[in-house]
C-alpha atoms as a PDB file:
ATOM      1  CA  UNK A   1     -36.534 -34.693 -33.232  1.00  0.00           C
ATOM      2  CA  UNK A   2     -37.294 -32.824 -36.415  1.00  0.00           C
ATOM      3  CA  UNK A   3     -39.192 -29.761 -35.255  1.00  0.00           C
ATOM      4  CA  UNK A   4     -42.581 -29.793 -36.975  1.00  0.00           C
ATOM      5  CA  UNK A   5     -43.596 -27.054 -39.365  1.00  0.00           C
ATOM      6  CA  UNK A   6     -46.378 -26.076 -36.958  1.00  0.00           C
ATOM      7  CA  UNK A   7     -43.926 -25.753 -34.081  1.00  0.00           C
ATOM      8  CA  UNK A   8     -41.454 -23.724 -36.109  1.00  0.00           C
ATOM      9  CA  UNK A   9     -44.190 -21.379 -37.239  1.00  0.00           C
ATOM     10  CA  UNK A  10     -44.955 -20.812 -33.581  1.00  0.00           C
ATOM     11  CA  UNK A  11     -41.446 -20.184 -32.246  1.00  0.00           C
ATOM     12  CA  UNK A  12     -39.346 -18.785 -35.096  1.00  0.00           C
ATOM     13  CA  UNK A  13     -41.321 -15.501 -35.265  1.00  0.00           C
ATOM     14  CA  UNK A  14     -40.597 -15.052 -31.545  1.00  0.00           C
ATOM     15  CA  UNK A  15     -36.839 -15.034 -32.112  1.00  0.00           C
ATOM     16  CA  UNK A  16     -35.152 -11.755 -32.983  1.00  0.00           C
ATOM     17  CA  UNK A  17     -31.746 -10.607 -34.139  1.00  0.00           C
ATOM     18  CA  UNK A  18     -29.923  -8.236 -31.783  1.00  0.00           C
ATOM     19  CA  UNK A  19     -27.172  -5.807 -32.679  1.00  0.00           C
ATOM     20  CA  UNK A  20     -25.418  -3.724 -30.024  1.00  0.00           C
ATOM     21  CA  UNK A  21     -22.700  -1.127 -30.400  1.00  0.00           C
ATOM     22  CA  UNK A  22     -20.655  -0.243 -27.332  1.00  0.00           C
ATOM     23  CA  UNK A  23     -18.246   2.652 -26.857  1.00  0.00           C
ATOM     24  CA  UNK A  24     -14.562   1.751 -26.993  1.00  0.00           C
ATOM     25  CA  UNK A  25     -14.139   3.439 -23.616  1.00  0.00           C
ATOM     26  CA  UNK A  26     -16.546   1.071 -21.874  1.00  0.00           C
ATOM     27  CA  UNK A  27     -14.809  -1.514 -19.646  1.00  0.00           C
ATOM     28  CA  UNK A  28     -16.565  -4.385 -21.434  1.00  0.00           C
ATOM     29  CA  UNK A  29     -15.231  -3.383 -24.854  1.00  0.00           C
ATOM     30  CA  UNK A  30     -11.813  -4.967 -24.356  1.00  0.00           C
ATOM     31  CA  UNK A  31     -13.390  -8.278 -23.290  1.00  0.00           C
ATOM     32  CA  UNK A  32     -16.505  -8.500 -25.472  1.00  0.00           C
ATOM     33  CA  UNK A  33     -15.775  -6.091 -28.312  1.00  0.00           C
ATOM     34  CA  UNK A  34     -17.644  -2.977 -29.402  1.00  0.00           C
ATOM     35  CA  UNK A  35     -19.826  -4.490 -32.142  1.00  0.00           C
ATOM     36  CA  UNK A  36     -21.955  -7.414 -30.940  1.00  0.00           C
ATOM     37  CA  UNK A  37     -24.579  -9.494 -32.677  1.00  0.00           C
ATOM     38  CA  UNK A  38     -26.767 -12.173 -31.152  1.00  0.00           C
ATOM     39  CA  UNK A  39     -30.200 -13.689 -30.778  1.00  0.00           C
ATOM     40  CA  UNK A  40     -33.045 -12.882 -28.400  1.00  0.00           C
ATOM     41  CA  UNK A  41     -36.478 -14.348 -27.684  1.00  0.00           C
ATOM     42  CA  UNK A  42     -39.794 -12.626 -27.109  1.00  0.00           C
ATOM     43  CA  UNK A  43     -41.182 -14.093 -23.870  1.00  0.00           C
ATOM     44  CA  UNK A  44     -44.112 -11.764 -23.280  1.00  0.00           C
ATOM     45  CA  UNK A  45     -46.924 -10.158 -25.251  1.00  0.00           C
ATOM     46  CA  UNK A  46     -45.567  -6.832 -23.982  1.00  0.00           C
ATOM     47  CA  UNK A  47     -42.350  -6.880 -25.995  1.00  0.00           C
ATOM     48  CA  UNK A  48     -39.973  -8.339 -23.388  1.00  0.00           C
ATOM     49  CA  UNK A  49     -36.956 -10.072 -24.955  1.00  0.00           C
ATOM     50  CA  UNK A  50     -34.680 -12.485 -23.076  1.00  0.00           C
ATOM     51  CA  UNK A  51     -31.060 -12.946 -24.157  1.00  0.00           C
ATOM     52  CA  UNK A  52     -27.552 -13.565 -22.842  1.00  0.00           C
ATOM     53  CA  UNK A  53     -26.249 -10.679 -20.764  1.00  0.00           C
ATOM     54  CA  UNK A  54     -22.987 -10.345 -22.686  1.00  0.00           C
ATOM     55  CA  UNK A  55     -25.017  -9.103 -25.652  1.00  0.00           C
ATOM     56  CA  UNK A  56     -26.176  -5.975 -23.825  1.00  0.00           C
ATOM     57  CA  UNK A  57     -23.482  -5.111 -21.263  1.00  0.00           C
ATOM     58  CA  UNK A  58     -22.462  -1.527 -21.916  1.00  0.00           C
ATOM     59  CA  UNK A  59     -25.542  -0.699 -24.014  1.00  0.00           C
ATOM     60  CA  UNK A  60     -28.591   1.392 -23.218  1.00  0.00           C
ATOM     61  CA  UNK A  61     -30.304   0.441 -26.459  1.00  0.00           C
ATOM     62  CA  UNK A  62     -29.895  -2.284 -29.078  1.00  0.00           C
ATOM     63  CA  UNK A  63     -31.100  -2.734 -32.619  1.00  0.00           C
ATOM     64  CA  UNK A  64     -33.804  -5.429 -32.751  1.00  0.00           C
ATOM     65  CA  UNK A  65     -34.595  -7.043 -36.111  1.00  0.00           C
ATOM     66  CA  UNK A  66     -37.927  -8.867 -36.213  1.00  0.00           C
ATOM     67  CA  UNK A  67     -37.974  -9.236 -39.986  1.00  0.00           C
ATOM     68  CA  UNK A  68     -35.606  -7.805 -42.623  1.00  0.00           C
ATOM     69  CA  UNK A  69     -37.982  -4.887 -43.136  1.00  0.00           C
ATOM     70  CA  UNK A  70     -38.918  -4.497 -39.448  1.00  0.00           C
ATOM     71  CA  UNK A  71     -36.066  -3.135 -37.346  1.00  0.00           C
ATOM     72  CA  UNK A  72     -36.762  -1.563 -33.955  1.00  0.00           C
ATOM     73  CA  UNK A  73     -34.833   0.149 -31.195  1.00  0.00           C
ATOM     74  CA  UNK A  74     -34.943  -1.894 -28.015  1.00  0.00           C
ATOM     75  CA  UNK A  75     -34.215  -0.578 -24.536  1.00  0.00           C
ATOM     76  CA  UNK A  76     -31.962  -2.582 -22.222  1.00  0.00           C
ATOM     77  CA  UNK A  77     -34.095  -2.863 -19.084  1.00  0.00           C
ATOM     78  CA  UNK A  78     -32.263  -5.510 -17.074  1.00  0.00           C
ATOM     79  CA  UNK A  79     -28.947  -7.293 -16.628  1.00  0.00           C
ATOM     80  CA  UNK A  80     -28.399 -10.050 -14.074  1.00  0.00           C
ATOM     81  CA  UNK A  81     -24.739 -10.942 -13.671  1.00  0.00           C
ATOM     82  CA  UNK A  82     -25.449 -13.805 -11.281  1.00  0.00           C
ATOM     83  CA  UNK A  83     -27.436 -15.750 -13.893  1.00  0.00           C
ATOM     84  CA  UNK A  84     -25.829 -14.279 -17.011  1.00  0.00           C
ATOM     85  CA  UNK A  85     -29.151 -13.133 -18.495  1.00  0.00           C
ATOM     86  CA  UNK A  86     -30.296  -9.821 -19.967  1.00  0.00           C
ATOM     87  CA  UNK A  87     -33.648  -8.295 -20.866  1.00  0.00           C
ATOM     88  CA  UNK A  88     -34.532  -5.906 -23.691  1.00  0.00           C
ATOM     89  CA  UNK A  89     -37.933  -4.311 -24.312  1.00  0.00           C
ATOM     90  CA  UNK A  90     -39.547  -3.059 -27.512  1.00  0.00           C
ATOM     91  CA  UNK A  91     -42.744  -1.138 -28.119  1.00  0.00           C
ATOM     92  CA  UNK A  92     -45.621  -2.403 -30.284  1.00  0.00           C
ATOM     93  CA  UNK A  93     -44.370  -6.005 -30.374  1.00  0.00           C
ATOM     94  CA  UNK A  94     -45.664  -8.678 -32.735  1.00  0.00           C
ATOM     95  CA  UNK A  95     -48.097 -11.242 -31.288  1.00  0.00           C
ATOM     96  CA  UNK A  96     -45.566 -14.082 -31.279  1.00  0.00           C
ATOM     97  CA  UNK A  97     -43.870 -15.032 -28.007  1.00  0.00           C
ATOM     98  CA  UNK A  98     -42.895 -18.219 -26.189  1.00  0.00           C
ATOM     99  CA  UNK A  99     -43.591 -19.419 -22.660  1.00  0.00           C
ATOM    100  CA  UNK A 100     -40.757 -20.051 -20.204  1.00  0.00           C
ATOM    101  CA  UNK A 101     -40.641 -23.519 -18.641  1.00  0.00           C
ATOM    102  CA  UNK A 102     -39.258 -24.100 -15.148  1.00  0.00           C
ATOM    103  CA  UNK A 103     -35.919 -25.885 -14.854  1.00  0.00           C
ATOM    104  CA  UNK A 104     -37.292 -27.954 -11.963  1.00  0.00           C
ATOM    105  CA  UNK A 105     -38.736 -30.731 -14.127  1.00  0.00           C
ATOM    106  CA  UNK A 106     -36.185 -30.681 -16.965  1.00  0.00           C
ATOM    107  CA  UNK A 107     -34.328 -33.981 -17.350  1.00  0.00           C
ATOM    108  CA  UNK A 108     -31.446 -35.386 -19.363  1.00  0.00           C
ATOM    109  CA  UNK A 109     -32.560 -37.172 -22.504  1.00  0.00           C
ATOM    110  CA  UNK A 110     -35.333 -34.772 -23.450  1.00  0.00           C
ATOM    111  CA  UNK A 111     -35.528 -33.820 -27.098  1.00  0.00           C
ATOM    112  CA  UNK A 112     -34.831 -30.146 -27.691  1.00  0.00           C
ATOM    113  CA  UNK A 113     -34.030 -27.711 -30.467  1.00  0.00           C
ATOM    114  CA  UNK A 114     -32.225 -24.404 -30.837  1.00  0.00           C
ATOM    115  CA  UNK A 115     -33.192 -21.378 -32.906  1.00  0.00           C
ATOM    116  CA  UNK A 116     -30.512 -18.825 -33.726  1.00  0.00           C
ATOM    117  CA  UNK A 117     -30.258 -15.713 -35.853  1.00  0.00           C
ATOM    118  CA  UNK A 118     -27.732 -15.617 -38.668  1.00  0.00           C
ATOM    119  CA  UNK A 119     -26.946 -13.131 -41.400  1.00  0.00           C
ATOM    120  CA  UNK A 120     -29.676 -14.447 -43.701  1.00  0.00           C
ATOM    121  CA  UNK A 121     -32.424 -15.162 -41.175  1.00  0.00           C
ATOM    122  CA  UNK A 122     -32.873 -17.987 -38.634  1.00  0.00           C
ATOM    123  CA  UNK A 123     -31.459 -21.478 -38.366  1.00  0.00           C
ATOM    124  CA  UNK A 124     -32.704 -24.434 -36.356  1.00  0.00           C
ATOM    125  CA  UNK A 125     -30.967 -27.563 -35.091  1.00  0.00           C
ATOM    126  CA  UNK A 126     -32.205 -30.383 -32.890  1.00  0.00           C
ATOM    127  CA  UNK A 127     -30.804 -32.868 -30.397  1.00  0.00           C
ATOM    128  CA  UNK A 128     -31.193 -33.846 -26.755  1.00  0.00           C
ATOM    129  CA  UNK A 129     -30.316 -32.670 -23.276  1.00  0.00           C
ATOM    130  CA  UNK A 130     -27.138 -34.381 -22.132  1.00  0.00           C
ATOM    131  CA  UNK A 131     -27.091 -33.054 -18.567  1.00  0.00           C
ATOM    132  CA  UNK A 132     -28.629 -30.697 -16.059  1.00  0.00           C
ATOM    133  CA  UNK A 133     -25.791 -30.057 -13.668  1.00  0.00           C
ATOM    134  CA  UNK A 134     -23.691 -27.433 -11.941  1.00  0.00           C
ATOM    135  CA  UNK A 135     -21.423 -25.230 -14.027  1.00  0.00           C
ATOM    136  CA  UNK A 136     -18.450 -23.217 -12.882  1.00  0.00           C
ATOM    137  CA  UNK A 137     -16.705 -20.775 -15.186  1.00  0.00           C
ATOM    138  CA  UNK A 138     -13.159 -19.471 -15.187  1.00  0.00           C
ATOM    139  CA  UNK A 139     -14.503 -16.023 -14.275  1.00  0.00           C
ATOM    140  CA  UNK A 140     -16.470 -15.395 -11.035  1.00  0.00           C
ATOM    141  CA  UNK A 141     -19.584 -17.227 -12.180  1.00  0.00           C
ATOM    142  CA  UNK A 142     -21.247 -20.373 -10.935  1.00  0.00           C
ATOM    143  CA  UNK A 143     -24.633 -22.019 -11.579  1.00  0.00           C
ATOM    144  CA  UNK A 144     -26.131 -24.772  -9.451  1.00  0.00           C
ATOM    145  CA  UNK A 145     -27.960 -25.944 -12.578  1.00  0.00           C
ATOM    146  CA  UNK A 146     -27.047 -25.420 -16.211  1.00  0.00           C
ATOM    147  CA  UNK A 147     -28.210 -27.293 -19.297  1.00  0.00           C
ATOM    148  CA  UNK A 148     -25.843 -28.951 -21.746  1.00  0.00           C
ATOM    149  CA  UNK A 149     -27.179 -30.307 -25.024  1.00  0.00           C
ATOM    150  CA  UNK A 150     -25.935 -32.448 -27.892  1.00  0.00           C
ATOM    151  CA  UNK A 151     -26.669 -29.674 -30.378  1.00  0.00           C
ATOM    152  CA  UNK A 152     -24.129 -27.303 -31.856  1.00  0.00           C
ATOM    153  CA  UNK A 153     -25.540 -23.795 -31.897  1.00  0.00           C
ATOM    154  CA  UNK A 154     -26.438 -23.114 -35.549  1.00  0.00           C
ATOM    155  CA  UNK A 155     -25.976 -19.348 -35.282  1.00  0.00           C
ATOM    156  CA  UNK A 156     -25.393 -16.512 -32.843  1.00  0.00           C
ATOM    157  CA  UNK A 157     -25.580 -16.862 -29.059  1.00  0.00           C
ATOM    158  CA  UNK A 158     -28.354 -15.661 -26.768  1.00  0.00           C
ATOM    159  CA  UNK A 159     -31.111 -17.603 -28.533  1.00  0.00           C
ATOM    160  CA  UNK A 160     -33.647 -20.042 -27.131  1.00  0.00           C
ATOM    161  CA  UNK A 161     -33.322 -23.688 -26.199  1.00  0.00           C
ATOM    162  CA  UNK A 162     -36.840 -25.085 -26.678  1.00  0.00           C
ATOM    163  CA  UNK A 163     -38.638 -28.294 -25.771  1.00  0.00           C
ATOM    164  CA  UNK A 164     -40.912 -30.408 -27.954  1.00  0.00           C
ATOM    165  CA  UNK A 165     -43.876 -28.170 -27.117  1.00  0.00           C
ATOM    166  CA  UNK A 166     -42.081 -24.940 -28.004  1.00  0.00           C
ATOM    167  CA  UNK A 167     -41.513 -23.858 -24.415  1.00  0.00           C
ATOM    168  CA  UNK A 168     -38.266 -22.065 -23.632  1.00  0.00           C
ATOM    169  CA  UNK A 169     -35.940 -24.083 -21.406  1.00  0.00           C
ATOM    170  CA  UNK A 170     -32.789 -22.020 -21.648  1.00  0.00           C
ATOM    171  CA  UNK A 171     -30.785 -19.195 -23.164  1.00  0.00           C
ATOM    172  CA  UNK A 172     -27.828 -20.360 -25.248  1.00  0.00           C
ATOM    173  CA  UNK A 173     -24.713 -18.991 -23.588  1.00  0.00           C
ATOM    174  CA  UNK A 174     -21.565 -20.905 -24.550  1.00  0.00           C
ATOM    175  CA  UNK A 175     -20.198 -23.384 -27.045  1.00  0.00           C
ATOM    176  CA  UNK A 176     -18.565 -26.349 -25.296  1.00  0.00           C
ATOM    177  CA  UNK A 177     -17.726 -28.302 -28.444  1.00  0.00           C
ATOM    178  CA  UNK A 178     -14.042 -28.320 -27.529  1.00  0.00           C
ATOM    179  CA  UNK A 179     -14.806 -30.432 -24.450  1.00  0.00           C
ATOM    180  CA  UNK A 180     -17.373 -32.631 -26.207  1.00  0.00           C
ATOM    181  CA  UNK A 181     -20.516 -31.088 -24.709  1.00  0.00           C
ATOM    182  CA  UNK A 182     -21.521 -28.891 -27.659  1.00  0.00           C
ATOM    183  CA  UNK A 183     -23.729 -26.161 -26.121  1.00  0.00           C
ATOM    184  CA  UNK A 184     -24.452 -24.779 -22.664  1.00  0.00           C
ATOM    185  CA  UNK A 185     -27.671 -22.921 -21.867  1.00  0.00           C
ATOM    186  CA  UNK A 186     -28.641 -20.930 -18.788  1.00  0.00           C
ATOM    187  CA  UNK A 187     -32.072 -22.019 -17.510  1.00  0.00           C
ATOM    188  CA  UNK A 188     -34.569 -19.461 -18.775  1.00  0.00           C
ATOM    189  CA  UNK A 189     -36.614 -19.696 -15.579  1.00  0.00           C
ATOM    190  CA  UNK A 190     -33.688 -18.129 -13.706  1.00  0.00           C
ATOM    191  CA  UNK A 191     -34.930 -14.922 -15.349  1.00  0.00           C
ATOM    192  CA  UNK A 192     -38.376 -15.153 -13.727  1.00  0.00           C
ATOM    193  CA  UNK A 193     -37.688 -12.468 -11.069  1.00  0.00           C
ATOM    194  CA  UNK A 194     -36.314 -10.180 -13.787  1.00  0.00           C
ATOM    195  CA  UNK A 195     -39.265 -10.714 -16.083  1.00  0.00           C
ATOM    196  CA  UNK A 196     -41.812 -10.195 -13.320  1.00  0.00           C
ATOM    197  CA  UNK A 197     -40.157  -6.958 -12.239  1.00  0.00           C
ATOM    198  CA  UNK A 198     -39.924  -5.661 -15.804  1.00  0.00           C
ATOM    199  CA  UNK A 199     -43.614  -6.440 -16.376  1.00  0.00           C
ATOM    200  CA  UNK A 200     -44.556  -4.593 -13.176  1.00  0.00           C
ATOM    201  CA  UNK A 201     -42.252  -1.577 -13.239  1.00  0.00           C
ATOM    202  CA  UNK A 202     -40.626  -1.519 -16.668  1.00  0.00           C
ATOM    203  CA  UNK A 203     -37.109  -2.134 -15.380  1.00  0.00           C
ATOM    204  CA  UNK A 204     -35.126  -4.693 -13.404  1.00  0.00           C
ATOM    205  CA  UNK A 205     -33.184  -3.613 -10.328  1.00  0.00           C
ATOM    206  CA  UNK A 206     -31.057  -6.506  -9.051  1.00  0.00           C
ATOM    207  CA  UNK A 207     -31.035  -7.480  -5.381  1.00  0.00           C
ATOM    208  CA  UNK A 208     -27.966  -6.878  -3.253  1.00  0.00           C
ATOM    209  CA  UNK A 209     -25.043  -7.506  -5.621  1.00  0.00           C
ATOM    210  CA  UNK A 210     -22.313 -10.004  -4.846  1.00  0.00           C
ATOM    211  CA  UNK A 211     -18.807  -9.069  -3.842  1.00  0.00           C
ATOM    212  CA  UNK A 212     -16.475  -9.234  -6.850  1.00  0.00           C
ATOM    213  CA  UNK A 213     -12.685  -9.256  -7.194  1.00  0.00           C
ATOM    214  CA  UNK A 214     -12.209  -9.323 -10.970  1.00  0.00           C
ATOM    215  CA  UNK A 215     -10.220 -12.541 -11.314  1.00  0.00           C
ATOM    216  CA  UNK A 216     -10.194 -15.484 -13.704  1.00  0.00           C
ATOM    217  CA  UNK A 217      -8.792 -18.812 -12.594  1.00  0.00           C
ATOM    218  CA  UNK A 218      -8.380 -22.503 -13.341  1.00  0.00           C
ATOM    219  CA  UNK A 219      -7.917 -25.626 -11.254  1.00  0.00           C
ATOM    220  CA  UNK A 220      -4.589 -27.434 -11.377  1.00  0.00           C
ATOM    221  CA  UNK A 221      -3.686 -30.451  -9.238  1.00  0.00           C
ATOM    222  CA  UNK A 222      -5.937 -29.601  -6.309  1.00  0.00           C
ATOM    223  CA  UNK A 223      -4.956 -25.936  -6.473  1.00  0.00           C
ATOM    224  CA  UNK A 224      -6.478 -22.850  -8.056  1.00  0.00           C
ATOM    225  CA  UNK A 225      -4.272 -20.638 -10.205  1.00  0.00           C
ATOM    226  CA  UNK A 226      -5.125 -17.119 -11.336  1.00  0.00           C
ATOM    227  CA  UNK A 227      -5.292 -17.015 -15.130  1.00  0.00           C
ATOM    228  CA  UNK A 228      -5.857 -13.278 -15.276  1.00  0.00           C
ATOM    229  CA  UNK A 229      -6.872 -10.151 -13.400  1.00  0.00           C
ATOM    230  CA  UNK A 230      -9.337  -7.682 -14.921  1.00  0.00           C
ATOM    231  CA  UNK A 231      -7.669  -4.268 -15.421  1.00  0.00           C
ATOM    232  CA  UNK A 232      -8.688  -1.670 -12.820  1.00  0.00           C
ATOM    233  CA  UNK A 233     -10.590  -4.304 -10.860  1.00  0.00           C
ATOM    234  CA  UNK A 234     -10.305  -4.770  -7.083  1.00  0.00           C
ATOM    235  CA  UNK A 235      -7.889  -7.653  -7.651  1.00  0.00           C
ATOM    236  CA  UNK A 236      -5.682  -5.543  -9.906  1.00  0.00           C
ATOM    237  CA  UNK A 237      -5.632  -2.669  -7.402  1.00  0.00           C
ATOM    238  CA  UNK A 238      -4.615  -5.081  -4.637  1.00  0.00           C
ATOM    239  CA  UNK A 239      -1.690  -6.398  -6.693  1.00  0.00           C
ATOM    240  CA  UNK A 240      -2.912  -9.866  -7.666  1.00  0.00           C
ATOM    241  CA  UNK A 241      -1.096 -11.269 -10.685  1.00  0.00           C
ATOM    242  CA  UNK A 242      -1.647 -14.055 -13.229  1.00  0.00           C
ATOM    243  CA  UNK A 243       0.088 -17.181 -11.997  1.00  0.00           C
ATOM    244  CA  UNK A 244      -0.691 -16.568  -8.326  1.00  0.00           C
ATOM    245  CA  UNK A 245      -1.805 -19.786  -6.631  1.00  0.00           C
ATOM    246  CA  UNK A 246      -4.686 -19.179  -4.214  1.00  0.00           C
ATOM    247  CA  UNK A 247      -4.122 -21.283  -1.114  1.00  0.00           C
ATOM    248  CA  UNK A 248      -6.831 -19.917   1.188  1.00  0.00           C
ATOM    249  CA  UNK A 249      -9.630 -17.351   1.356  1.00  0.00           C
ATOM    250  CA  UNK A 250     -10.259 -15.775   4.771  1.00  0.00           C
ATOM    251  CA  UNK A 251      -8.046 -18.438   6.290  1.00  0.00           C
ATOM    252  CA  UNK A 252      -9.990 -21.353   4.789  1.00  0.00           C
ATOM    253  CA  UNK A 253      -8.061 -23.583   2.362  1.00  0.00           C
ATOM    254  CA  UNK A 254      -9.519 -23.750  -1.155  1.00  0.00           C
ATOM    255  CA  UNK A 255      -9.007 -26.432  -3.779  1.00  0.00           C
ATOM    256  CA  UNK A 256     -11.438 -25.499  -6.548  1.00  0.00           C
ATOM    257  CA  UNK A 257     -13.030 -22.489  -8.188  1.00  0.00           C
ATOM    258  CA  UNK A 258     -16.383 -23.054  -6.554  1.00  0.00           C
ATOM    259  CA  UNK A 259     -14.757 -22.835  -3.142  1.00  0.00           C
ATOM    260  CA  UNK A 260     -13.157 -19.493  -4.010  1.00  0.00           C
ATOM    261  CA  UNK A 261     -16.322 -18.014  -5.467  1.00  0.00           C
ATOM    262  CA  UNK A 262     -18.532 -19.085  -2.573  1.00  0.00           C
ATOM    263  CA  UNK A 263     -16.135 -17.593  -0.027  1.00  0.00           C
ATOM    264  CA  UNK A 264     -15.942 -14.323  -1.950  1.00  0.00           C
ATOM    265  CA  UNK A 265     -19.747 -14.180  -2.131  1.00  0.00           C
ATOM    266  CA  UNK A 266     -20.045 -14.490   1.642  1.00  0.00           C
ATOM    267  CA  UNK A 267     -18.835 -10.897   1.755  1.00  0.00           C
ATOM    268  CA  UNK A 268     -20.681  -7.707   1.118  1.00  0.00           C
ATOM    269  CA  UNK A 269     -19.267  -5.392  -1.545  1.00  0.00           C
ATOM    270  CA  UNK A 270     -16.691  -3.148   0.057  1.00  0.00           C
ATOM    271  CA  UNK A 271     -15.483  -5.837   2.462  1.00  0.00           C
ATOM    272  CA  UNK A 272     -11.857  -6.886   2.411  1.00  0.00           C
ATOM    273  CA  UNK A 273     -11.368 -10.470   1.217  1.00  0.00           C
ATOM    274  CA  UNK A 274      -8.204 -11.970   2.697  1.00  0.00           C
ATOM    275  CA  UNK A 275      -6.234 -14.191   0.306  1.00  0.00           C
ATOM    276  CA  UNK A 276      -3.232 -16.364   1.013  1.00  0.00           C
ATOM    277  CA  UNK A 277      -1.342 -16.884  -2.226  1.00  0.00           C
ATOM    278  CA  UNK A 278       1.811 -18.578  -3.400  1.00  0.00           C
ATOM    279  CA  UNK A 279       4.042 -16.546  -5.709  1.00  0.00           C
ATOM    280  CA  UNK A 280       7.724 -16.787  -6.646  1.00  0.00           C
ATOM    281  CA  UNK A 281       8.532 -19.571  -4.177  1.00  0.00           C
ATOM    282  CA  UNK A 282       6.917 -17.763  -1.278  1.00  0.00           C
ATOM    283  CA  UNK A 283       3.591 -17.338   0.492  1.00  0.00           C
ATOM    284  CA  UNK A 284       1.975 -13.897   0.648  1.00  0.00           C
ATOM    285  CA  UNK A 285      -1.075 -12.477   2.387  1.00  0.00           C
ATOM    286  CA  UNK A 286      -3.147  -9.999   0.356  1.00  0.00           C
ATOM    287  CA  UNK A 287      -6.326  -8.148   1.299  1.00  0.00           C
ATOM    288  CA  UNK A 288      -8.552  -7.316  -1.659  1.00  0.00           C
ATOM    289  CA  UNK A 289     -11.221  -4.678  -1.061  1.00  0.00           C
ATOM    290  CA  UNK A 290     -14.128  -6.067  -3.035  1.00  0.00           C
ATOM    291  CA  UNK A 291     -16.513  -4.179  -5.289  1.00  0.00           C
ATOM    292  CA  UNK A 292     -19.334  -5.304  -7.598  1.00  0.00           C
ATOM    293  CA  UNK A 293     -19.278  -6.262 -11.245  1.00  0.00           C
ATOM    294  CA  UNK A 294     -22.374  -4.068 -11.682  1.00  0.00           C
ATOM    295  CA  UNK A 295     -20.374  -1.002 -10.609  1.00  0.00           C
ATOM    296  CA  UNK A 296     -17.414  -1.968 -12.789  1.00  0.00           C
ATOM    297  CA  UNK A 297     -19.518  -2.300 -15.940  1.00  0.00           C
ATOM    298  CA  UNK A 298     -21.922   0.554 -15.121  1.00  0.00           C
END
């Protein structure tokens, strides 16, 4: 699909360039850097901007560029770590914004296009949805439904994935070109509770946060191996180490990342999560007192 001029005139003005600067002392700085640039999308006539959460973690405000001569200060009003989405708000917004379409009727094969900010403006590329399927990440993150598309993101992350009518299907989150899937987007409708709360009260307060250990891991031959442990995280304090093989969580054998994450999320923050691990030719039992990622990155 070549996005029509009419369609582009409708959606391109609703995309904005985001620039965030984060203190070196913030826990996210080592992972995500201190100087971040990305794309956001106006999804409301009241100046609400939807983007990827990694753009705004550690920031209270971000620089929002609507046009080269129109740069605003946006307030970070919501971060949802479960979905990976973030919300920024500006005052006196332009009239352009796009509607969010529910993921429930999105199907593989649909024609779509991406809009992304770059140094000299906006770029657009088009393709099709290749799948709507579960996605598990190497960090403690899992989506029952995520969108992969045959389009390489033409610019910076956080921008909109749009359908043939200009409705927002997703927020561009990751490049998967190395595994032949090009681009992954988080369904934009996952942000509906955030957007409704921001419209009503001006800020998003997440529901009860999930338990979090601060681990990254990968699957290997029916086992799960720790790739890393976030410094000063619950896992680090408990003595978990890269290379540990997780055999069981709370006495239940695990064979994939989803199994580990779901068992961790059964707990409330502050609960001890019991891990059986294999390390240095021996089996060990380790209790990790969980916390939340919200508290870690606060």
